[in-house]
Amino acid sequence: MRSVVLGLFLCTVLPLVNAQCFKMEHTTPVQFCQDETDKTWHPIGSTWRNSKCMGCDCSAKFMSCCNQMGMPTGYADKCTVEYDYTTCTFEVFEKVPCAHGTFGK
């Protein structure tokens, strides 16, 4: 019974995941991988998180990175998303009209 519940849970959650991963294969032998975002160099066997919240891995055959923050989808047009790259989080909130006044002519 537990497997059925777990299977149903995964079937409902997996479509919501937007992993946004990429893999770049090395065409020549390398000792380091260069982060495309930050332009930093990382030795083979290392993992790191760059300034855009991508978790990256450097191997002798390729460099792969996946978005660690996730991206919201399916929100209404009246909403906006604010990303915080220092904490790798985001907030979806409703846009609020700005109140304003005038003076002069």
C-alpha atoms as a PDB file:
ATOM      1  CA  MET A   1       0.000   0.000   0.000  1.00  0.00           C
ATOM      2  CA  ARG A   2       2.848   2.373   0.842  1.00  0.00           C
ATOM      3  CA  SER A   3       4.326   1.904  -2.679  1.00  0.00           C
ATOM      4  CA  VAL A   4       1.014   2.840  -4.267  1.00  0.00           C
ATOM      5  CA  VAL A   5       0.797   6.033  -2.216  1.00  0.00           C
ATOM      6  CA  LEU A   6       4.418   6.899  -3.015  1.00  0.00           C
ATOM      7  CA  GLY A   7       3.813   6.228  -6.713  1.00  0.00           C
ATOM      8  CA  LEU A   8       0.738   8.482  -6.763  1.00  0.00           C
ATOM      9  CA  PHE A   9       2.650  11.205  -4.917  1.00  0.00           C
ATOM     10  CA  LEU A  10       5.532  11.086  -7.415  1.00  0.00           C
ATOM     11  CA  CYS A  11       3.114  11.170 -10.354  1.00  0.00           C
ATOM     12  CA  THR A  12       1.564  14.364  -9.028  1.00  0.00           C
ATOM     13  CA  VAL A  13       4.813  16.079  -7.995  1.00  0.00           C
ATOM     14  CA  LEU A  14       7.162  15.240 -10.878  1.00  0.00           C
ATOM     15  CA  PRO A  15       5.277  17.297 -13.498  1.00  0.00           C
ATOM     16  CA  LEU A  16       5.741  20.343 -11.242  1.00  0.00           C
ATOM     17  CA  VAL A  17       9.513  20.005 -11.248  1.00  0.00           C
ATOM     18  CA  ASN A  18      11.321  22.239 -13.717  1.00  0.00           C
ATOM     19  CA  ALA A  19      14.899  21.052 -13.277  1.00  0.00           C
ATOM     20  CA  GLN A  20      16.545  23.159 -15.970  1.00  0.00           C
ATOM     21  CA  CYS A  21      19.769  21.213 -16.287  1.00  0.00           C
ATOM     22  CA  PHE A  22      22.431  21.210 -18.946  1.00  0.00           C
ATOM     23  CA  LYS A  23      25.515  19.152 -19.682  1.00  0.00           C
ATOM     24  CA  MET A  24      28.537  20.255 -21.714  1.00  0.00           C
ATOM     25  CA  GLU A  25      30.840  17.513 -22.962  1.00  0.00           C
ATOM     26  CA  HIS A  26      34.555  18.307 -23.146  1.00  0.00           C
ATOM     27  CA  THR A  27      35.988  17.983 -26.652  1.00  0.00           C
ATOM     28  CA  THR A  28      39.595  17.818 -25.409  1.00  0.00           C
ATOM     29  CA  PRO A  29      41.134  16.514 -22.161  1.00  0.00           C
ATOM     30  CA  VAL A  30      40.722  19.075 -19.361  1.00  0.00           C
ATOM     31  CA  GLN A  31      41.879  19.584 -15.782  1.00  0.00           C
ATOM     32  CA  PHE A  32      39.383  22.368 -15.005  1.00  0.00           C
ATOM     33  CA  CYS A  33      35.854  23.450 -15.923  1.00  0.00           C
ATOM     34  CA  GLN A  34      34.879  27.075 -16.409  1.00  0.00           C
ATOM     35  CA  ASP A  35      31.573  28.286 -14.978  1.00  0.00           C
ATOM     36  CA  GLU A  36      29.788  30.031 -17.854  1.00  0.00           C
ATOM     37  CA  THR A  37      27.988  32.441 -15.507  1.00  0.00           C
ATOM     38  CA  ASP A  38      30.756  33.584 -13.182  1.00  0.00           C
ATOM     39  CA  LYS A  39      33.719  32.770 -15.454  1.00  0.00           C
ATOM     40  CA  THR A  40      35.408  30.975 -12.517  1.00  0.00           C
ATOM     41  CA  TRP A  41      37.550  27.839 -12.921  1.00  0.00           C
ATOM     42  CA  HIS A  42      36.929  24.604 -10.966  1.00  0.00           C
ATOM     43  CA  PRO A  43      39.059  21.426 -10.843  1.00  0.00           C
ATOM     44  CA  ILE A  44      37.808  18.029 -11.998  1.00  0.00           C
ATOM     45  CA  GLY A  45      35.827  16.339  -9.216  1.00  0.00           C
ATOM     46  CA  SER A  46      34.548  19.601  -7.726  1.00  0.00           C
ATOM     47  CA  THR A  47      31.015  20.845  -7.230  1.00  0.00           C
ATOM     48  CA  TRP A  48      29.913  24.437  -6.676  1.00  0.00           C
ATOM     49  CA  ARG A  49      26.950  26.829  -6.766  1.00  0.00           C
ATOM     50  CA  ASN A  50      27.313  29.946  -8.901  1.00  0.00           C
ATOM     51  CA  SER A  51      25.807  33.412  -8.449  1.00  0.00           C
ATOM     52  CA  LYS A  52      22.630  32.434 -10.369  1.00  0.00           C
ATOM     53  CA  CYS A  53      21.938  29.450  -8.081  1.00  0.00           C
ATOM     54  CA  MET A  54      23.096  26.792 -10.540  1.00  0.00           C
ATOM     55  CA  GLY A  55      24.609  23.741  -8.860  1.00  0.00           C
ATOM     56  CA  CYS A  56      27.478  22.534 -11.047  1.00  0.00           C
ATOM     57  CA  ASP A  57      29.691  19.454 -11.235  1.00  0.00           C
ATOM     58  CA  CYS A  58      32.998  19.115 -13.103  1.00  0.00           C
ATOM     59  CA  SER A  59      34.148  15.710 -14.349  1.00  0.00           C
ATOM     60  CA  ALA A  60      36.787  14.598 -16.829  1.00  0.00           C
ATOM     61  CA  LYS A  61      34.101  13.970 -19.476  1.00  0.00           C
ATOM     62  CA  PHE A  62      31.685  16.863 -18.971  1.00  0.00           C
ATOM     63  CA  MET A  63      30.446  19.747 -16.841  1.00  0.00           C
ATOM     64  CA  SER A  64      26.813  19.684 -15.780  1.00  0.00           C
ATOM     65  CA  CYS A  65      24.722  22.302 -14.010  1.00  0.00           C
ATOM     66  CA  CYS A  66      21.165  22.313 -12.656  1.00  0.00           C
ATOM     67  CA  ASN A  67      19.071  25.176 -11.389  1.00  0.00           C
ATOM     68  CA  GLN A  68      18.994  24.835  -7.583  1.00  0.00           C
ATOM     69  CA  MET A  69      16.294  27.447  -7.067  1.00  0.00           C
ATOM     70  CA  GLY A  70      13.573  26.158  -9.360  1.00  0.00           C
ATOM     71  CA  MET A  71      11.367  28.376 -11.465  1.00  0.00           C
ATOM     72  CA  PRO A  72       7.733  29.134 -10.729  1.00  0.00           C
ATOM     73  CA  THR A  73       5.222  28.269 -13.450  1.00  0.00           C
ATOM     74  CA  GLY A  74       1.512  28.653 -13.925  1.00  0.00           C
ATOM     75  CA  TYR A  75       1.026  31.846 -11.930  1.00  0.00           C
ATOM     76  CA  ALA A  76      -1.602  34.430 -12.956  1.00  0.00           C
ATOM     77  CA  ASP A  77      -0.759  37.479 -15.076  1.00  0.00           C
ATOM     78  CA  LYS A  78      -1.595  39.695 -12.107  1.00  0.00           C
ATOM     79  CA  CYS A  79       1.330  38.160 -10.213  1.00  0.00           C
ATOM     80  CA  THR A  80       5.053  38.797 -10.444  1.00  0.00           C
ATOM     81  CA  VAL A  81       8.126  36.876  -9.319  1.00  0.00           C
ATOM     82  CA  GLU A  82      10.999  38.283  -7.309  1.00  0.00           C
ATOM     83  CA  TYR A  83      14.219  36.242  -7.237  1.00  0.00           C
ATOM     84  CA  ASP A  84      16.750  36.399  -4.396  1.00  0.00           C
ATOM     85  CA  TYR A  85      20.039  34.995  -5.689  1.00  0.00           C
ATOM     86  CA  THR A  86      21.789  35.354  -2.320  1.00  0.00           C
ATOM     87  CA  THR A  87      19.446  32.822  -0.691  1.00  0.00           C
ATOM     88  CA  CYS A  88      18.449  30.994  -3.907  1.00  0.00           C
ATOM     89  CA  THR A  89      14.753  31.542  -3.252  1.00  0.00           C
ATOM     90  CA  PHE A  90      11.904  33.303  -5.014  1.00  0.00           C
ATOM     91  CA  GLU A  91       8.590  34.827  -4.040  1.00  0.00           C
ATOM     92  CA  VAL A  92       5.461  35.035  -6.179  1.00  0.00           C
ATOM     93  CA  PHE A  93       3.164  37.871  -5.214  1.00  0.00           C
ATOM     94  CA  GLU A  94       0.282  39.855  -6.608  1.00  0.00           C
ATOM     95  CA  LYS A  95       1.143  43.138  -8.287  1.00  0.00           C
ATOM     96  CA  VAL A  96      -0.233  46.082  -6.348  1.00  0.00           C
ATOM     97  CA  PRO A  97      -1.124  49.343  -8.081  1.00  0.00           C
ATOM     98  CA  CYS A  98       1.114  52.208  -7.013  1.00  0.00           C
ATOM     99  CA  ALA A  99      -0.663  55.093  -5.315  1.00  0.00           C
ATOM    100  CA  HIS A 100       0.543  58.518  -6.350  1.00  0.00           C
ATOM    101  CA  GLY A 101      -0.398  62.151  -6.189  1.00  0.00           C
ATOM    102  CA  THR A 102       0.439  65.266  -8.154  1.00  0.00           C
ATOM    103  CA  PHE A 103       1.179  68.852  -7.367  1.00  0.00           C
ATOM    104  CA  GLY A 104       1.639  71.935  -9.469  1.00  0.00           C
ATOM    105  CA  LYS A 105      -0.107  72.443 -12.811  1.00  0.00           C
END
